């Protein structure tokens, strides 16, 4: 119960044009493994919903060390790593079939009241469950900087297929929108090595989202700030930072 390990075979519709697993697919695996572990711990969304509560993801920090191919098997290990104030921490380690490290991630989650949308105290919302106080990545989740301008902007409309069981856009859709704005020449010559995500507001069906990008540092290690905003009212939805390293 302290940790959960789950295997995933990389399917060919989950790879990019290089036949390598997409970074967002790895984030999907993390979400799935976390969900299964909460079920076993008795703290899943279904358990919380009986009291009009639910989980929301607040922050993600991920490091990608290499990208396996379609057909490879990945093993995701996850565990609850601590509690800090209103936030529950959960960490991840991903390895391939040869036990090579693929990715590391740490995440911060809140329990919110569905009616008010406000976070609630964890000690009143959750039963006791075991913690494995080890961090895959050491992070105190400092606030990401606000963009001062943007170099490019892309628009997306929220589809029904983008929604999760909370009827909000699934948390792995946001980085997909953000990464789409990365210049093609960077995507061709570099690979994503680090990704930070700060979720700030939910998005629902039919909304239009603007994905903005601003270069923070040039090659060979290119760094970008990303911002997702509501086209309707300019509300900030998500801040992200991506780091890209030359493929060599």
Protein backbone atom coordinates (compact mmCIF):
# COMPACT_ATOMS: atom_id res chain seq x y z
CA UNK A 1 0.00 0.00 0.00
CA UNK A 2 2.96 2.33 0.53
CA UNK A 3 3.77 2.44 -3.19
CA UNK A 4 2.11 1.23 -6.38
CA UNK A 5 3.89 0.04 -9.53
CA UNK A 6 2.02 -0.35 -12.79
CA UNK A 7 3.20 -1.34 -16.27
CA UNK A 8 2.24 0.36 -19.53
CA UNK A 9 3.04 -0.82 -23.04
CA UNK A 10 3.65 2.21 -25.26
CA UNK A 11 1.05 1.94 -28.00
CA UNK A 12 1.82 3.22 -31.46
CA UNK A 13 -0.86 5.91 -31.32
CA UNK A 14 0.98 7.30 -28.28
CA UNK A 15 4.23 8.05 -30.12
CA UNK A 16 5.40 11.03 -32.17
CA UNK A 17 6.76 11.09 -35.72
CA UNK A 18 10.08 9.76 -34.38
CA UNK A 19 8.25 6.68 -33.03
CA UNK A 20 9.09 7.79 -29.48
CA UNK A 21 6.60 8.17 -26.64
CA UNK A 22 5.21 11.67 -26.29
CA UNK A 23 5.92 13.51 -23.02
CA UNK A 24 2.20 14.11 -22.51
CA UNK A 25 1.63 10.35 -22.81
CA UNK A 26 4.01 9.82 -19.89
CA UNK A 27 1.98 12.37 -17.93
CA UNK A 28 -1.14 10.35 -18.80
CA UNK A 29 0.51 7.25 -17.33
CA UNK A 30 1.35 9.14 -14.15
CA UNK A 31 -2.25 10.28 -13.78
CA UNK A 32 -3.57 6.77 -14.31
CA UNK A 33 -1.17 5.22 -11.80
CA UNK A 34 -1.98 7.89 -9.22
CA UNK A 35 -5.71 7.29 -9.69
CA UNK A 36 -5.34 3.55 -9.17
CA UNK A 37 -3.28 4.05 -6.03
CA UNK A 38 -5.87 6.41 -4.53
CA UNK A 39 -8.51 3.74 -5.15
CA UNK A 40 -6.48 1.21 -3.18
CA UNK A 41 -5.90 3.75 -0.40
CA UNK A 42 -9.62 4.61 -0.17
CA UNK A 43 -9.07 8.26 -1.12
CA UNK A 44 -10.16 8.19 -4.78
CA UNK A 45 -12.41 10.80 -6.39
CA UNK A 46 -15.34 8.41 -5.99
CA UNK A 47 -14.69 8.22 -2.24
CA UNK A 48 -14.46 12.01 -1.90
CA UNK A 49 -17.56 12.66 -4.01
CA UNK A 50 -19.74 11.06 -1.34
CA UNK A 51 -18.91 14.17 0.75
CA UNK A 52 -19.09 16.63 -2.14
CA UNK A 53 -15.29 16.82 -2.38
CA UNK A 54 -12.80 16.08 -5.16
CA UNK A 55 -9.09 16.12 -5.98
CA UNK A 56 -7.53 18.86 -8.13
CA UNK A 57 -3.95 18.98 -9.34
CA UNK A 58 -2.14 22.17 -8.35
CA UNK A 59 1.47 21.73 -9.50
CA UNK A 60 3.54 19.30 -11.56
CA UNK A 61 7.28 19.19 -12.05
CA UNK A 62 8.63 16.48 -14.37
CA UNK A 63 12.05 15.55 -15.71
CA UNK A 64 12.35 13.44 -18.85
CA UNK A 65 15.60 11.52 -19.23
CA UNK A 66 14.88 9.58 -22.42
CA UNK A 67 11.95 8.66 -24.63
CA UNK A 68 11.29 4.95 -25.30
CA UNK A 69 9.81 3.69 -28.56
CA UNK A 70 6.41 2.32 -29.41
CA UNK A 71 6.06 -1.25 -28.16
CA UNK A 72 8.38 -0.69 -25.20
CA UNK A 73 7.11 -1.36 -21.68
CA UNK A 74 7.28 1.34 -19.03
CA UNK A 75 6.97 0.74 -15.30
CA UNK A 76 5.49 3.62 -13.28
CA UNK A 77 6.04 3.69 -9.54
CA UNK A 78 4.09 6.19 -7.46
CA UNK A 79 3.67 7.03 -3.80
CA UNK A 80 2.21 9.75 -1.53
CA UNK A 81 5.30 11.59 -0.32
CA UNK A 82 3.97 14.08 2.20
CA UNK A 83 1.49 16.75 3.22
CA UNK A 84 2.26 20.46 3.28
CA UNK A 85 -0.54 22.72 4.51
CA UNK A 86 -3.53 22.31 2.20
CA UNK A 87 -1.57 20.19 -0.27
CA UNK A 88 -0.89 16.48 -0.58
CA UNK A 89 2.33 15.53 -2.39
CA UNK A 90 2.69 12.57 -4.72
CA UNK A 91 5.84 11.48 -6.52
CA UNK A 92 6.66 9.22 -9.46
CA UNK A 93 9.49 7.25 -11.00
CA UNK A 94 9.30 5.77 -14.51
CA UNK A 95 11.63 3.05 -15.82
CA UNK A 96 11.76 1.03 -19.03
CA UNK A 97 11.96 -2.76 -19.41
CA UNK A 98 15.74 -2.59 -18.98
CA UNK A 99 15.32 -0.64 -15.72
CA UNK A 100 16.73 2.52 -17.30
CA UNK A 101 15.28 5.63 -15.72
CA UNK A 102 12.84 7.35 -18.10
CA UNK A 103 11.26 10.13 -16.02
CA UNK A 104 10.89 11.55 -12.53
CA UNK A 105 8.03 13.71 -11.30
CA UNK A 106 6.61 15.35 -8.21
CA UNK A 107 3.10 16.73 -7.88
CA UNK A 108 1.00 18.76 -5.45
CA UNK A 109 -2.74 18.14 -5.04
CA UNK A 110 -5.56 19.85 -3.15
CA UNK A 111 -8.95 18.57 -2.01
CA UNK A 112 -11.67 21.07 -2.87
CA UNK A 113 -15.31 21.50 -1.97
CA UNK A 114 -17.21 20.92 -5.22
CA UNK A 115 -19.88 23.52 -4.40
CA UNK A 116 -17.55 26.36 -3.39
CA UNK A 117 -14.47 25.40 -5.40
CA UNK A 118 -12.34 26.19 -2.35
CA UNK A 119 -9.69 23.89 -0.82
CA UNK A 120 -10.43 22.15 2.47
CA UNK A 121 -8.15 20.97 5.25
CA UNK A 122 -6.66 17.58 4.47
CA UNK A 123 -7.00 16.25 8.02
CA UNK A 124 -10.77 16.77 7.85
CA UNK A 125 -11.13 15.51 4.27
CA UNK A 126 -8.93 12.44 4.16
CA UNK A 127 -8.43 9.35 6.30
CA UNK A 128 -4.96 8.45 7.48
CA UNK A 129 -2.88 6.71 4.82
CA UNK A 130 0.79 5.71 4.70
CA UNK A 131 3.39 8.18 3.43
CA UNK A 132 6.69 7.30 1.80
CA UNK A 133 8.64 10.43 2.61
CA UNK A 134 10.95 10.34 -0.38
CA UNK A 135 10.87 12.90 -3.17
CA UNK A 136 11.60 11.86 -6.74
CA UNK A 137 12.42 15.51 -7.42
CA UNK A 138 13.21 18.01 -4.69
CA UNK A 139 10.86 20.95 -5.26
CA UNK A 140 9.15 23.51 -3.09
CA UNK A 141 6.90 24.50 -6.01
CA UNK A 142 7.86 28.15 -6.15
CA UNK A 143 5.46 30.24 -8.19
CA UNK A 144 6.35 30.34 -11.87
CA UNK A 145 7.10 33.83 -13.26
CA UNK A 146 4.39 35.72 -15.10
CA UNK A 147 5.08 36.34 -18.76
CA UNK A 148 5.93 39.92 -19.71
CA UNK A 149 4.89 39.44 -23.34
CA UNK A 150 4.62 36.64 -25.84
CA UNK A 151 6.33 35.60 -29.07
CA UNK A 152 3.53 33.41 -30.41
CA UNK A 153 -0.13 32.70 -29.67
CA UNK A 154 -2.33 29.77 -30.66
CA UNK A 155 -6.07 29.27 -30.04
CA UNK A 156 -7.78 26.04 -28.95
CA UNK A 157 -11.44 25.25 -28.37
CA UNK A 158 -12.28 22.85 -25.53
CA UNK A 159 -13.75 19.62 -26.88
CA UNK A 160 -15.86 17.12 -24.98
CA UNK A 161 -12.93 14.69 -25.37
CA UNK A 162 -10.79 17.09 -23.31
CA UNK A 163 -12.95 16.78 -20.17
CA UNK A 164 -12.28 14.65 -17.09
CA UNK A 165 -14.58 13.15 -14.46
CA UNK A 166 -14.82 16.56 -12.75
CA UNK A 167 -16.25 17.95 -16.01
CA UNK A 168 -13.17 20.18 -16.36
CA UNK A 169 -10.35 19.95 -18.89
CA UNK A 170 -8.09 17.05 -17.97
CA UNK A 171 -4.78 18.15 -16.47
CA UNK A 172 -2.67 16.58 -19.25
CA UNK A 173 -4.46 18.59 -21.95
CA UNK A 174 -2.98 21.87 -20.67
CA UNK A 175 0.67 20.92 -21.36
CA UNK A 176 -0.36 19.57 -24.77
CA UNK A 177 -1.74 23.01 -25.66
CA UNK A 178 1.34 24.74 -24.28
CA UNK A 179 3.90 22.53 -26.02
CA UNK A 180 2.14 22.92 -29.36
CA UNK A 181 3.35 26.54 -29.42
CA UNK A 182 7.04 25.56 -29.19
CA UNK A 183 8.84 26.54 -32.43
CA UNK A 184 9.13 23.66 -34.89
CA UNK A 185 12.90 24.09 -35.19
CA UNK A 186 13.28 23.59 -31.42
CA UNK A 187 11.10 20.49 -31.45
CA UNK A 188 13.15 19.07 -34.33
CA UNK A 189 16.59 19.72 -32.87
CA UNK A 190 15.90 19.38 -29.14
CA UNK A 191 13.99 17.21 -26.70
CA UNK A 192 11.94 18.28 -23.72
CA UNK A 193 13.89 17.59 -20.53
CA UNK A 194 12.05 19.55 -17.83
CA UNK A 195 8.47 20.72 -17.48
CA UNK A 196 6.84 22.72 -14.68
CA UNK A 197 3.10 23.34 -14.58
CA UNK A 198 1.12 25.59 -12.25
CA UNK A 199 -2.63 25.14 -12.59
CA UNK A 200 -4.55 28.29 -11.69
CA UNK A 201 -8.17 27.97 -12.91
CA UNK A 202 -10.41 25.28 -14.44
CA UNK A 203 -11.66 25.26 -18.02
CA UNK A 204 -14.96 23.81 -19.22
CA UNK A 205 -16.53 22.63 -22.46
CA UNK A 206 -16.84 25.20 -25.23
CA UNK A 207 -14.27 27.64 -23.80
CA UNK A 208 -11.59 29.00 -26.11
CA UNK A 209 -8.06 28.96 -24.75
CA UNK A 210 -5.06 30.97 -25.96
CA UNK A 211 -1.67 29.27 -25.67
CA UNK A 212 1.11 31.86 -25.43
CA UNK A 213 4.88 31.32 -25.39
CA UNK A 214 7.84 33.52 -24.55
CA UNK A 215 11.50 32.55 -24.97
CA UNK A 216 13.34 32.82 -21.65
CA UNK A 217 16.77 31.43 -22.60
CA UNK A 218 18.28 30.60 -26.02
CA UNK A 219 19.86 27.37 -27.32
CA UNK A 220 21.64 25.05 -26.67
CA UNK A 221 19.36 24.68 -23.64
CA UNK A 222 16.25 26.52 -24.73
CA UNK A 223 13.82 27.60 -22.03
CA UNK A 224 10.31 28.89 -22.61
CA UNK A 225 7.61 30.39 -20.43
CA UNK A 226 4.07 29.40 -21.34
CA UNK A 227 0.72 30.85 -20.37
CA UNK A 228 -2.79 29.61 -21.07
CA UNK A 229 -5.51 32.23 -20.84
CA UNK A 230 -9.23 32.39 -21.49
CA UNK A 231 -9.97 34.15 -24.77
CA UNK A 232 -13.30 35.35 -23.37
CA UNK A 233 -12.10 37.32 -20.34
CA UNK A 234 -8.29 37.05 -20.28
CA UNK A 235 -8.37 34.95 -17.11
CA UNK A 236 -5.07 33.17 -16.49
CA UNK A 237 -5.57 29.41 -16.48
CA UNK A 238 -2.11 27.89 -16.31
CA UNK A 239 1.57 28.88 -16.16
CA UNK A 240 4.26 26.56 -17.44
CA UNK A 241 7.99 26.46 -18.06
CA UNK A 242 9.65 24.05 -20.50
CA UNK A 243 13.36 23.30 -20.94
CA UNK A 244 14.66 21.76 -24.17
CA UNK A 245 18.13 20.24 -24.65
CA UNK A 246 19.87 19.56 -27.95
CA UNK A 247 19.54 16.01 -29.22
CA UNK A 248 23.28 16.05 -29.90
